[in-house]
């Protein structure tokens, strides 16, 4: 008797998990159909613009000043 109840509970939990996964997949499919991938692609190849590279602002472009600071105080 107890084994039958345990098996029934396990099967019920599995069915509940299948239902939850099915609903999550349906929500994901709806989001994918709503999102327009063609809006993000511009120009041939769909790559858009190149990402901007970081550049330091202000100061000199000489790296020696930064190197001295990293190595610690001199003198």
Protein backbone atom coordinates (compact mmCIF):
# COMPACT_ATOMS: atom_id res chain seq x y z
CA UNK A 1 0.00 0.00 0.00
CA UNK A 2 2.72 2.44 0.98
CA UNK A 3 4.73 1.56 -2.13
CA UNK A 4 1.73 2.30 -4.35
CA UNK A 5 1.23 5.72 -2.73
CA UNK A 6 4.93 6.52 -3.05
CA UNK A 7 4.93 5.55 -6.73
CA UNK A 8 1.79 7.64 -7.33
CA UNK A 9 3.37 10.67 -5.62
CA UNK A 10 6.57 10.30 -7.65
CA UNK A 11 4.58 10.04 -10.90
CA UNK A 12 2.55 13.12 -9.86
CA UNK A 13 5.70 15.13 -9.16
CA UNK A 14 7.16 14.09 -12.52
CA UNK A 15 3.96 15.14 -14.30
CA UNK A 16 4.01 18.48 -12.47
CA UNK A 17 7.65 19.01 -13.53
CA UNK A 18 6.79 18.20 -17.15
CA UNK A 19 3.93 20.73 -17.03
CA UNK A 20 6.16 23.45 -15.57
CA UNK A 21 8.88 22.84 -18.18
CA UNK A 22 6.28 22.88 -20.94
CA UNK A 23 4.92 26.26 -19.76
CA UNK A 24 8.41 27.75 -19.45
CA UNK A 25 9.25 26.64 -23.00
CA UNK A 26 6.01 28.17 -24.27
CA UNK A 27 6.84 31.50 -22.58
CA UNK A 28 10.35 31.42 -24.07
CA UNK A 29 8.94 30.73 -27.54
CA UNK A 30 6.58 33.71 -27.18
CA UNK A 31 9.47 35.99 -26.19
CA UNK A 32 11.53 34.81 -29.16
CA UNK A 33 8.69 35.50 -31.62
CA UNK A 34 8.12 38.99 -30.15
CA UNK A 35 11.81 39.98 -30.27
CA UNK A 36 12.77 41.22 -33.73
CA UNK A 37 16.30 40.11 -34.48
CA UNK A 38 16.40 42.08 -37.73
CA UNK A 39 16.32 45.38 -35.79
CA UNK A 40 19.76 44.75 -34.31
CA UNK A 41 21.36 43.89 -37.64
CA UNK A 42 22.42 46.77 -39.83
CA UNK A 43 24.33 46.69 -43.07
CA UNK A 44 25.68 43.68 -44.91
CA UNK A 45 26.63 40.81 -42.68
CA UNK A 46 24.45 42.09 -39.86
CA UNK A 47 27.38 43.01 -37.65
CA UNK A 48 26.41 46.65 -37.13
CA UNK A 49 29.09 49.03 -35.90
CA UNK A 50 32.36 48.02 -34.34
CA UNK A 51 32.45 48.12 -30.55
CA UNK A 52 34.22 51.16 -29.17
CA UNK A 53 37.55 50.52 -27.56
CA UNK A 54 38.43 52.06 -24.23
CA UNK A 55 40.83 54.97 -24.39
CA UNK A 56 42.24 56.80 -21.40
CA UNK A 57 40.97 60.34 -21.06
CA UNK A 58 43.28 63.22 -20.28
CA UNK A 59 46.94 63.03 -19.35
CA UNK A 60 49.76 62.00 -21.62
CA UNK A 61 49.87 58.86 -23.68
CA UNK A 62 53.34 58.06 -22.30
CA UNK A 63 53.24 54.80 -20.36
CA UNK A 64 56.40 55.52 -18.34
CA UNK A 65 54.52 57.63 -15.78
CA UNK A 66 52.11 54.82 -15.12
CA UNK A 67 54.92 52.31 -14.87
CA UNK A 68 56.70 54.35 -12.16
CA UNK A 69 53.47 54.60 -10.19
CA UNK A 70 52.93 50.85 -10.37
CA UNK A 71 56.45 50.01 -9.25
CA UNK A 72 56.16 52.17 -6.17
CA UNK A 73 57.85 55.35 -5.08
CA UNK A 74 61.27 56.12 -6.50
CA UNK A 75 64.20 57.64 -4.70
